[in-house]
Structure formats: C-alpha cells, structure tokens
Amino acid sequence: MTGADGADVHVLVVDDDTRLRDLLKGYLTREGFRVTTAQDSADARRRMAALSFDLLVLDIMMPGESGLDLARTLRKEGGVPILMLTAMGDSGSRIEGLEAGADDYLPKPFEPRELVLRMNAILRRTPPPDTPARPNLVSLGGFLFDLNRELLLQGETPVRLTTTETALLRALAGEPGRIMSREELTRLCEIDGGDRTVDVQVNRLRRKIEPDPKLPQYIQTVRGRGYVLRPD
C-alpha cells in the first residue's frame, strides 16, 4: 500500500483473538498493507521496539495491559496513529478511547472494508514525520536484514538471496519471536510444494546466515509448530 492511502504502510494489529488477527492480516495484506500482528500489549511493545509502524489497529479488552493503557502511554510519547477496535460500542466507551489517544474507534463486529476506509482516513490526516523513519533493520549476528529494501547485508556487502529466500526472511523478520507454521509460510511466501519445500528453503537460508546451520541460532525450528526468527 503506497501513497496517501499508504506509502509502504506497515500496520501493527494488536488483538488477543487469534482468529480475528489472522483474518485481519489476510484481508489487509490483500489490500496492499504490510501487516505485523501481536497478541497483547506486551507483545506489541516488543514489535515496536524492533520495527517502525505507520498505524496501530488496537483492541481494547486484552489480558494484562489493556489497549487503553497502551494507547495512553504511546500518546505521551508522541506515538503512532491508533485505530481502536472494541466490542463496547456505547458512546461512553468511544469517548474513553478517544481521550486515551485513539485517532478513531470502530466497534465490533465491523465490515473489513469500513476498517480499511477508516485506516486510510487516519493516514491522510497524519502529517509526515520531520525526520526520516527509523529503518526496519533486523540484526542476525554479522548480518542485517533491511525490511524496507528487502535486502540482507553482511557488513556493507549485500548477500544474494533467491526470491523465495527473501520472502521467507521477510515473513519471519516481520514478526520476530512469533512461531509461523509451514502452512502459513507456504501461503505468505507463495511457495509451491508444501511443507517439505518450506523445509528445504529454510535450510538453504540457514546456510547463508547461521554460524552453524546444523545448530541454528536465528531461524529456529519449533517441533510440531513451524519456524520462528530469534534476532539479536
């Protein structure tokens, strides 16, 4: 997604409902956004420490720190624009969300198309930053992966990756610390051949970035679940 309706717009979706997170990620990705997800406020803070985001889609009612509390903290820091999602659609809850710092407020259930329209409206109202955005760099020992340019660097030297290797690293680096199933990676990276092909491609990628590909530090296998990226 580029331009006023998203200049390579990177969205963080924060919701404890796994099914809704996955649905929103799929829909927003098809609409042209780059999407990272988090399951709660603590997870969102970890994502924001590693990556830059243009917009947060934030649930209010979550275990631990609520979306309202997270929004208040982010707003004190200046923070990223926030669209709040909540099952509480009464006017009092809406006012509370706006007072906490949300730019807009959408009650559940909602139409995905309305969500996109509201997101684009927020992005059009958001002034460009005075300074360039922080690069989306993921550190992997002696390597850096630049998410913006989809470029792997060893020092200042680019490392050649195939299209599939780049797609895998982009998917894993976009959500470091989250276990991604082989099925999800197959879909996101448009890999033909199923689980076995994913394994082969991951092993090829490991040979390029791991000090010891047989004992991977960064792209780790989670038995029975898939793969997870553990950056520095």
C-alpha atoms as a PDB file:
ATOM      1  CA  MET A   1       0.000   0.000   0.000  1.00  0.00           C
ATOM      2  CA  THR A   2       1.554   3.293  -1.064  1.00  0.00           C
ATOM      3  CA  GLY A   3       0.771   6.983  -1.186  1.00  0.00           C
ATOM      4  CA  ALA A   4      -1.829   8.818   0.918  1.00  0.00           C
ATOM      5  CA  ASP A   5      -3.656   5.534   1.141  1.00  0.00           C
ATOM      6  CA  GLY A   6      -0.427   4.021   2.414  1.00  0.00           C
ATOM      7  CA  ALA A   7       3.202   4.783   1.459  1.00  0.00           C
ATOM      8  CA  ASP A   8       4.509   1.267   2.050  1.00  0.00           C
ATOM      9  CA  VAL A   9       2.238   1.359   5.091  1.00  0.00           C
ATOM     10  CA  HIS A  10       3.235  -1.018   7.880  1.00  0.00           C
ATOM     11  CA  VAL A  11       0.336  -1.817  10.228  1.00  0.00           C
ATOM     12  CA  LEU A  12       0.518  -3.483  13.640  1.00  0.00           C
ATOM     13  CA  VAL A  13      -2.679  -5.379  14.524  1.00  0.00           C
ATOM     14  CA  VAL A  14      -2.953  -6.000  18.293  1.00  0.00           C
ATOM     15  CA  ASP A  15      -5.716  -8.359  19.417  1.00  0.00           C
ATOM     16  CA  ASP A  16      -5.860 -11.388  21.710  1.00  0.00           C
ATOM     17  CA  ASP A  17      -8.328 -13.130  19.381  1.00  0.00           C
ATOM     18  CA  THR A  18      -6.133 -15.355  17.192  1.00  0.00           C
ATOM     19  CA  ARG A  19      -8.836 -15.915  14.588  1.00  0.00           C
ATOM     20  CA  LEU A  20      -9.522 -12.180  14.188  1.00  0.00           C
ATOM     21  CA  ARG A  21      -5.798 -11.406  13.989  1.00  0.00           C
ATOM     22  CA  ASP A  22      -5.339 -13.919  11.206  1.00  0.00           C
ATOM     23  CA  LEU A  23      -8.422 -12.707   9.328  1.00  0.00           C
ATOM     24  CA  LEU A  24      -7.315  -9.068   9.535  1.00  0.00           C
ATOM     25  CA  LYS A  25      -3.786  -9.912   8.487  1.00  0.00           C
ATOM     26  CA  GLY A  26      -5.021 -11.774   5.439  1.00  0.00           C
ATOM     27  CA  TYR A  27      -7.515  -9.086   4.447  1.00  0.00           C
ATOM     28  CA  LEU A  28      -5.200  -6.108   4.993  1.00  0.00           C
ATOM     29  CA  THR A  29      -2.357  -7.853   3.171  1.00  0.00           C
ATOM     30  CA  ARG A  30      -4.627  -8.355   0.180  1.00  0.00           C
ATOM     31  CA  GLU A  31      -5.477  -4.637   0.379  1.00  0.00           C
ATOM     32  CA  GLY A  32      -1.782  -3.809  -0.026  1.00  0.00           C
ATOM     33  CA  PHE A  33      -0.679  -3.157   3.543  1.00  0.00           C
ATOM     34  CA  ARG A  34       2.340  -4.717   5.201  1.00  0.00           C
ATOM     35  CA  VAL A  35       0.979  -6.320   8.365  1.00  0.00           C
ATOM     36  CA  THR A  36       2.524  -7.492  11.632  1.00  0.00           C
ATOM     37  CA  THR A  37       0.418  -8.914  14.456  1.00  0.00           C
ATOM     38  CA  ALA A  38       0.714  -9.014  18.248  1.00  0.00           C
ATOM     39  CA  GLN A  39      -1.374 -10.968  20.741  1.00  0.00           C
ATOM     40  CA  ASP A  40      -1.342  -8.412  23.572  1.00  0.00           C
ATOM     41  CA  SER A  41       0.197  -5.107  24.687  1.00  0.00           C
ATOM     42  CA  ALA A  42       3.447  -6.691  25.872  1.00  0.00           C
ATOM     43  CA  ASP A  43       3.857  -8.411  22.513  1.00  0.00           C
ATOM     44  CA  ALA A  44       3.071  -5.121  20.759  1.00  0.00           C
ATOM     45  CA  ARG A  45       5.783  -3.326  22.728  1.00  0.00           C
ATOM     46  CA  ARG A  46       8.318  -5.939  21.626  1.00  0.00           C
ATOM     47  CA  ARG A  47       7.301  -5.477  18.000  1.00  0.00           C
ATOM     48  CA  MET A  48       7.531  -1.677  18.266  1.00  0.00           C
ATOM     49  CA  ALA A  49      10.986  -1.905  19.842  1.00  0.00           C
ATOM     50  CA  ALA A  50      12.247  -3.752  16.766  1.00  0.00           C
ATOM     51  CA  LEU A  51      10.188  -2.245  13.933  1.00  0.00           C
ATOM     52  CA  SER A  52       8.599   1.016  12.835  1.00  0.00           C
ATOM     53  CA  PHE A  53       4.848   1.159  12.217  1.00  0.00           C
ATOM     54  CA  ASP A  54       2.635   3.687  10.460  1.00  0.00           C
ATOM     55  CA  LEU A  55      -0.605   2.680  12.186  1.00  0.00           C
ATOM     56  CA  LEU A  56      -1.832   0.529  15.083  1.00  0.00           C
ATOM     57  CA  VAL A  57      -5.123  -1.355  14.941  1.00  0.00           C
ATOM     58  CA  LEU A  58      -5.607  -1.924  18.649  1.00  0.00           C
ATOM     59  CA  ASP A  59      -8.107  -3.975  20.623  1.00  0.00           C
ATOM     60  CA  ILE A  60      -9.169  -2.531  23.996  1.00  0.00           C
ATOM     61  CA  MET A  61     -10.027  -5.603  26.067  1.00  0.00           C
ATOM     62  CA  MET A  62      -6.942  -7.804  26.363  1.00  0.00           C
ATOM     63  CA  PRO A  63      -5.320  -9.756  29.194  1.00  0.00           C
ATOM     64  CA  GLY A  64      -2.642  -7.806  31.016  1.00  0.00           C
ATOM     65  CA  GLU A  65      -2.210  -4.196  29.948  1.00  0.00           C
ATOM     66  CA  SER A  66      -5.368  -3.007  28.205  1.00  0.00           C
ATOM     67  CA  GLY A  67      -5.417  -1.306  24.849  1.00  0.00           C
ATOM     68  CA  LEU A  68      -6.497   1.903  26.577  1.00  0.00           C
ATOM     69  CA  ASP A  69      -3.424   1.879  28.817  1.00  0.00           C
ATOM     70  CA  LEU A  70      -1.131   1.143  25.900  1.00  0.00           C
ATOM     71  CA  ALA A  71      -2.709   3.977  23.894  1.00  0.00           C
ATOM     72  CA  ARG A  72      -2.225   6.434  26.769  1.00  0.00           C
ATOM     73  CA  THR A  73       1.457   5.535  27.036  1.00  0.00           C
ATOM     74  CA  LEU A  74       2.043   5.783  23.308  1.00  0.00           C
ATOM     75  CA  ARG A  75       0.285   9.124  23.089  1.00  0.00           C
ATOM     76  CA  LYS A  76       2.531  10.579  25.825  1.00  0.00           C
ATOM     77  CA  GLU A  77       5.500   9.556  23.693  1.00  0.00           C
ATOM     78  CA  GLY A  78       4.025  11.140  20.565  1.00  0.00           C
ATOM     79  CA  GLY A  79       3.430   7.739  19.124  1.00  0.00           C
ATOM     80  CA  VAL A  80       1.946   6.125  16.084  1.00  0.00           C
ATOM     81  CA  PRO A  81      -1.679   6.763  14.951  1.00  0.00           C
ATOM     82  CA  ILE A  82      -4.158   4.386  16.584  1.00  0.00           C
ATOM     83  CA  LEU A  83      -7.435   2.904  15.402  1.00  0.00           C
ATOM     84  CA  MET A  84      -9.183   1.181  18.303  1.00  0.00           C
ATOM     85  CA  LEU A  85     -11.349  -1.918  17.957  1.00  0.00           C
ATOM     86  CA  THR A  86     -13.707  -2.928  20.723  1.00  0.00           C
ATOM     87  CA  ALA A  87     -16.832  -4.918  21.461  1.00  0.00           C
ATOM     88  CA  MET A  88     -18.023  -1.969  23.550  1.00  0.00           C
ATOM     89  CA  GLY A  89     -19.802   0.355  21.158  1.00  0.00           C
ATOM     90  CA  ASP A  90     -21.529   2.742  23.567  1.00  0.00           C
ATOM     91  CA  SER A  91     -20.731   6.452  23.454  1.00  0.00           C
ATOM     92  CA  GLY A  92     -19.019   6.422  26.859  1.00  0.00           C
ATOM     93  CA  SER A  93     -16.547   3.755  25.758  1.00  0.00           C
ATOM     94  CA  ARG A  94     -15.946   5.593  22.496  1.00  0.00           C
ATOM     95  CA  ILE A  95     -15.169   8.829  24.329  1.00  0.00           C
ATOM     96  CA  GLU A  96     -12.852   6.982  26.712  1.00  0.00           C
ATOM     97  CA  GLY A  97     -10.960   5.520  23.774  1.00  0.00           C
ATOM     98  CA  LEU A  98     -10.600   8.879  22.065  1.00  0.00           C
ATOM     99  CA  GLU A  99      -9.481  10.508  25.310  1.00  0.00           C
ATOM    100  CA  ALA A 100      -6.849   7.794  25.691  1.00  0.00           C
ATOM    101  CA  GLY A 101      -5.355   8.943  22.410  1.00  0.00           C
ATOM    102  CA  ALA A 102      -7.058   6.933  19.691  1.00  0.00           C
ATOM    103  CA  ASP A 103      -7.436   8.644  16.325  1.00  0.00           C
ATOM    104  CA  ASP A 104     -10.586   6.677  15.551  1.00  0.00           C
ATOM    105  CA  TYR A 105     -12.774   3.998  17.106  1.00  0.00           C
ATOM    106  CA  LEU A 106     -14.551   1.092  15.420  1.00  0.00           C
ATOM    107  CA  PRO A 107     -16.948  -1.171  17.365  1.00  0.00           C
ATOM    108  CA  LYS A 108     -17.051  -4.914  16.753  1.00  0.00           C
ATOM    109  CA  PRO A 109     -18.427  -6.520  14.681  1.00  0.00           C
ATOM    110  CA  PHE A 110     -17.377  -4.430  11.718  1.00  0.00           C
ATOM    111  CA  GLU A 111     -17.071  -4.675   7.962  1.00  0.00           C
ATOM    112  CA  PRO A 112     -13.425  -5.082   6.883  1.00  0.00           C
ATOM    113  CA  ARG A 113     -13.943  -2.554   4.107  1.00  0.00           C
ATOM    114  CA  GLU A 114     -15.011   0.072   6.654  1.00  0.00           C
ATOM    115  CA  LEU A 115     -11.855  -0.674   8.638  1.00  0.00           C
ATOM    116  CA  VAL A 116      -9.714  -0.001   5.566  1.00  0.00           C
ATOM    117  CA  LEU A 117     -11.567   3.242   4.816  1.00  0.00           C
ATOM    118  CA  ARG A 118     -11.063   4.470   8.371  1.00  0.00           C
ATOM    119  CA  MET A 119      -7.381   3.477   8.307  1.00  0.00           C
ATOM    120  CA  ASN A 120      -6.836   5.397   5.097  1.00  0.00           C
ATOM    121  CA  ALA A 121      -8.629   8.429   6.541  1.00  0.00           C
ATOM    122  CA  ILE A 122      -6.288   8.402   9.556  1.00  0.00           C
ATOM    123  CA  LEU A 123      -3.240   8.082   7.306  1.00  0.00           C
ATOM    124  CA  ARG A 124      -4.369  11.040   5.179  1.00  0.00           C
ATOM    125  CA  ARG A 125      -4.720  13.163   8.333  1.00  0.00           C
ATOM    126  CA  THR A 126      -1.324  12.145   9.716  1.00  0.00           C
ATOM    127  CA  PRO A 127       1.405  14.676   8.875  1.00  0.00           C
ATOM    128  CA  PRO A 128       4.672  13.293   7.548  1.00  0.00           C
ATOM    129  CA  PRO A 129       7.407  12.978  10.188  1.00  0.00           C
ATOM    130  CA  ASP A 130      10.009  15.732  10.491  1.00  0.00           C
ATOM    131  CA  THR A 131      12.790  13.149  10.382  1.00  0.00           C
ATOM    132  CA  PRO A 132      13.165  10.048   8.254  1.00  0.00           C
ATOM    133  CA  ALA A 133      11.524   6.960   9.661  1.00  0.00           C
ATOM    134  CA  ARG A 134      13.751   4.607  11.596  1.00  0.00           C
ATOM    135  CA  PRO A 135      14.977   1.857   9.240  1.00  0.00           C
ATOM    136  CA  ASN A 136      13.379  -1.514   9.756  1.00  0.00           C
ATOM    137  CA  LEU A 137      16.613  -3.393  10.428  1.00  0.00           C
ATOM    138  CA  VAL A 138      16.742  -6.851  11.989  1.00  0.00           C
ATOM    139  CA  SER A 139      20.108  -7.912  13.411  1.00  0.00           C
ATOM    140  CA  LEU A 140      21.244 -11.500  12.868  1.00  0.00           C
ATOM    141  CA  GLY A 141      24.775 -11.718  14.211  1.00  0.00           C
ATOM    142  CA  GLY A 142      27.042 -10.382  11.488  1.00  0.00           C
ATOM    143  CA  PHE A 143      24.077  -9.776   9.203  1.00  0.00           C
ATOM    144  CA  LEU A 144      21.386  -7.111   8.971  1.00  0.00           C
ATOM    145  CA  PHE A 145      18.110  -7.598   7.134  1.00  0.00           C
ATOM    146  CA  ASP A 146      16.592  -4.357   5.867  1.00  0.00           C
ATOM    147  CA  LEU A 147      12.832  -4.929   5.712  1.00  0.00           C
ATOM    148  CA  ASN A 148      12.219  -1.722   3.789  1.00  0.00           C
ATOM    149  CA  ARG A 149      14.552  -2.698   0.966  1.00  0.00           C
ATOM    150  CA  GLU A 150      14.206  -6.475   1.467  1.00  0.00           C
ATOM    151  CA  LEU A 151      17.982  -6.632   1.476  1.00  0.00           C
ATOM    152  CA  LEU A 152      20.329  -8.822   3.525  1.00  0.00           C
ATOM    153  CA  LEU A 153      23.676  -7.228   4.338  1.00  0.00           C
ATOM    154  CA  GLN A 154      26.872  -8.674   5.763  1.00  0.00           C
ATOM    155  CA  GLY A 155      28.588  -5.534   6.926  1.00  0.00           C
ATOM    156  CA  GLU A 156      28.022  -3.274   3.934  1.00  0.00           C
ATOM    157  CA  THR A 157      28.029  -6.101   1.412  1.00  0.00           C
ATOM    158  CA  PRO A 158      24.683  -7.329   0.023  1.00  0.00           C
ATOM    159  CA  VAL A 159      24.114 -11.077   0.302  1.00  0.00           C
ATOM    160  CA  ARG A 160      22.433 -12.689  -2.679  1.00  0.00           C
ATOM    161  CA  LEU A 161      19.101 -14.299  -1.827  1.00  0.00           C
ATOM    162  CA  THR A 162      16.642 -16.010  -4.116  1.00  0.00           C
ATOM    163  CA  THR A 163      13.106 -14.661  -4.390  1.00  0.00           C
ATOM    164  CA  THR A 164      11.800 -17.406  -2.100  1.00  0.00           C
ATOM    165  CA  GLU A 165      14.581 -16.933   0.460  1.00  0.00           C
ATOM    166  CA  THR A 166      13.840 -13.214   0.536  1.00  0.00           C
ATOM    167  CA  ALA A 167      10.123 -13.878   1.012  1.00  0.00           C
ATOM    168  CA  LEU A 168      10.813 -16.294   3.882  1.00  0.00           C
ATOM    169  CA  LEU A 169      13.165 -13.911   5.639  1.00  0.00           C
ATOM    170  CA  ARG A 170      10.740 -11.021   5.142  1.00  0.00           C
ATOM    171  CA  ALA A 171       7.874 -13.023   6.653  1.00  0.00           C
ATOM    172  CA  LEU A 172       9.885 -14.220   9.651  1.00  0.00           C
ATOM    173  CA  ALA A 173      11.658 -10.894  10.253  1.00  0.00           C
ATOM    174  CA  GLY A 174       8.377  -9.001  10.013  1.00  0.00           C
ATOM    175  CA  GLU A 175       7.186 -10.780  13.160  1.00  0.00           C
ATOM    176  CA  PRO A 176      10.279 -11.795  15.125  1.00  0.00           C
ATOM    177  CA  GLY A 177       9.546 -14.097  18.034  1.00  0.00           C
ATOM    178  CA  ARG A 178       6.271 -15.391  16.563  1.00  0.00           C
ATOM    179  CA  ILE A 179       6.081 -19.025  15.533  1.00  0.00           C
ATOM    180  CA  MET A 180       4.929 -19.312  11.938  1.00  0.00           C
ATOM    181  CA  SER A 181       3.580 -22.622  10.691  1.00  0.00           C
ATOM    182  CA  ARG A 182       4.768 -24.190   7.457  1.00  0.00           C
ATOM    183  CA  GLU A 183       1.265 -23.731   6.066  1.00  0.00           C
ATOM    184  CA  GLU A 184       1.351 -20.002   6.843  1.00  0.00           C
ATOM    185  CA  LEU A 185       4.802 -19.602   5.296  1.00  0.00           C
ATOM    186  CA  THR A 186       3.673 -21.537   2.230  1.00  0.00           C
ATOM    187  CA  ARG A 187       0.770 -19.121   1.803  1.00  0.00           C
ATOM    188  CA  LEU A 188       2.577 -15.873   2.613  1.00  0.00           C
ATOM    189  CA  CYS A 189       5.639 -16.670   0.541  1.00  0.00           C
ATOM    190  CA  GLU A 190       3.720 -18.313  -2.319  1.00  0.00           C
ATOM    191  CA  ILE A 191       5.826 -21.466  -2.111  1.00  0.00           C
ATOM    192  CA  ASP A 192       4.860 -24.424  -4.273  1.00  0.00           C
ATOM    193  CA  GLY A 193       5.391 -27.936  -2.962  1.00  0.00           C
ATOM    194  CA  GLY A 194       4.090 -27.778   0.602  1.00  0.00           C
ATOM    195  CA  ASP A 195       5.844 -28.402   3.914  1.00  0.00           C
ATOM    196  CA  ARG A 196       8.858 -30.234   2.504  1.00  0.00           C
ATOM    197  CA  THR A 197       9.656 -27.381   0.141  1.00  0.00           C
ATOM    198  CA  VAL A 198       9.459 -24.900   3.030  1.00  0.00           C
ATOM    199  CA  ASP A 199      11.956 -27.008   4.984  1.00  0.00           C
ATOM    200  CA  VAL A 200      14.335 -27.108   2.027  1.00  0.00           C
ATOM    201  CA  GLN A 201      14.155 -23.338   1.538  1.00  0.00           C
ATOM    202  CA  VAL A 202      14.664 -22.655   5.249  1.00  0.00           C
ATOM    203  CA  ASN A 203      17.750 -24.889   5.245  1.00  0.00           C
ATOM    204  CA  ARG A 204      19.128 -23.002   2.240  1.00  0.00           C
ATOM    205  CA  LEU A 205      18.547 -19.701   4.033  1.00  0.00           C
ATOM    206  CA  ARG A 206      20.209 -21.004   7.192  1.00  0.00           C
ATOM    207  CA  ARG A 207      23.345 -21.876   5.240  1.00  0.00           C
ATOM    208  CA  LYS A 208      23.642 -18.195   4.327  1.00  0.00           C
ATOM    209  CA  ILE A 209      23.120 -16.591   7.762  1.00  0.00           C
ATOM    210  CA  GLU A 210      23.753 -19.144  10.504  1.00  0.00           C
ATOM    211  CA  PRO A 211      27.243 -19.644  12.036  1.00  0.00           C
ATOM    212  CA  ASP A 212      26.364 -23.352  12.241  1.00  0.00           C
ATOM    213  CA  PRO A 213      23.328 -24.264  10.097  1.00  0.00           C
ATOM    214  CA  LYS A 214      23.003 -27.585  11.957  1.00  0.00           C
ATOM    215  CA  LEU A 215      22.582 -25.675  15.253  1.00  0.00           C
ATOM    216  CA  PRO A 216      20.628 -22.593  14.141  1.00  0.00           C
ATOM    217  CA  GLN A 217      20.591 -19.572  16.432  1.00  0.00           C
ATOM    218  CA  TYR A 218      18.315 -17.313  14.416  1.00  0.00           C
ATOM    219  CA  ILE A 219      15.859 -19.364  12.358  1.00  0.00           C
ATOM    220  CA  GLN A 220      14.778 -21.930  14.916  1.00  0.00           C
ATOM    221  CA  THR A 221      12.523 -24.939  14.423  1.00  0.00           C
ATOM    222  CA  VAL A 222       9.672 -25.362  16.896  1.00  0.00           C
ATOM    223  CA  ARG A 223       8.791 -29.035  16.757  1.00  0.00           C
ATOM    224  CA  GLY A 224       5.297 -29.670  15.508  1.00  0.00           C
ATOM    225  CA  ARG A 225       4.569 -25.959  15.026  1.00  0.00           C
ATOM    226  CA  GLY A 226       6.897 -24.384  12.480  1.00  0.00           C
ATOM    227  CA  TYR A 227       9.668 -21.793  12.488  1.00  0.00           C
ATOM    228  CA  VAL A 228      10.498 -18.671  14.489  1.00  0.00           C
ATOM    229  CA  LEU A 229      13.089 -15.942  13.978  1.00  0.00           C
ATOM    230  CA  ARG A 230      15.128 -15.037  17.075  1.00  0.00           C
ATOM    231  CA  PRO A 231      17.153 -11.926  16.166  1.00  0.00           C
ATOM    232  CA  ASP A 232      19.853 -10.385  18.380  1.00  0.00           C
END
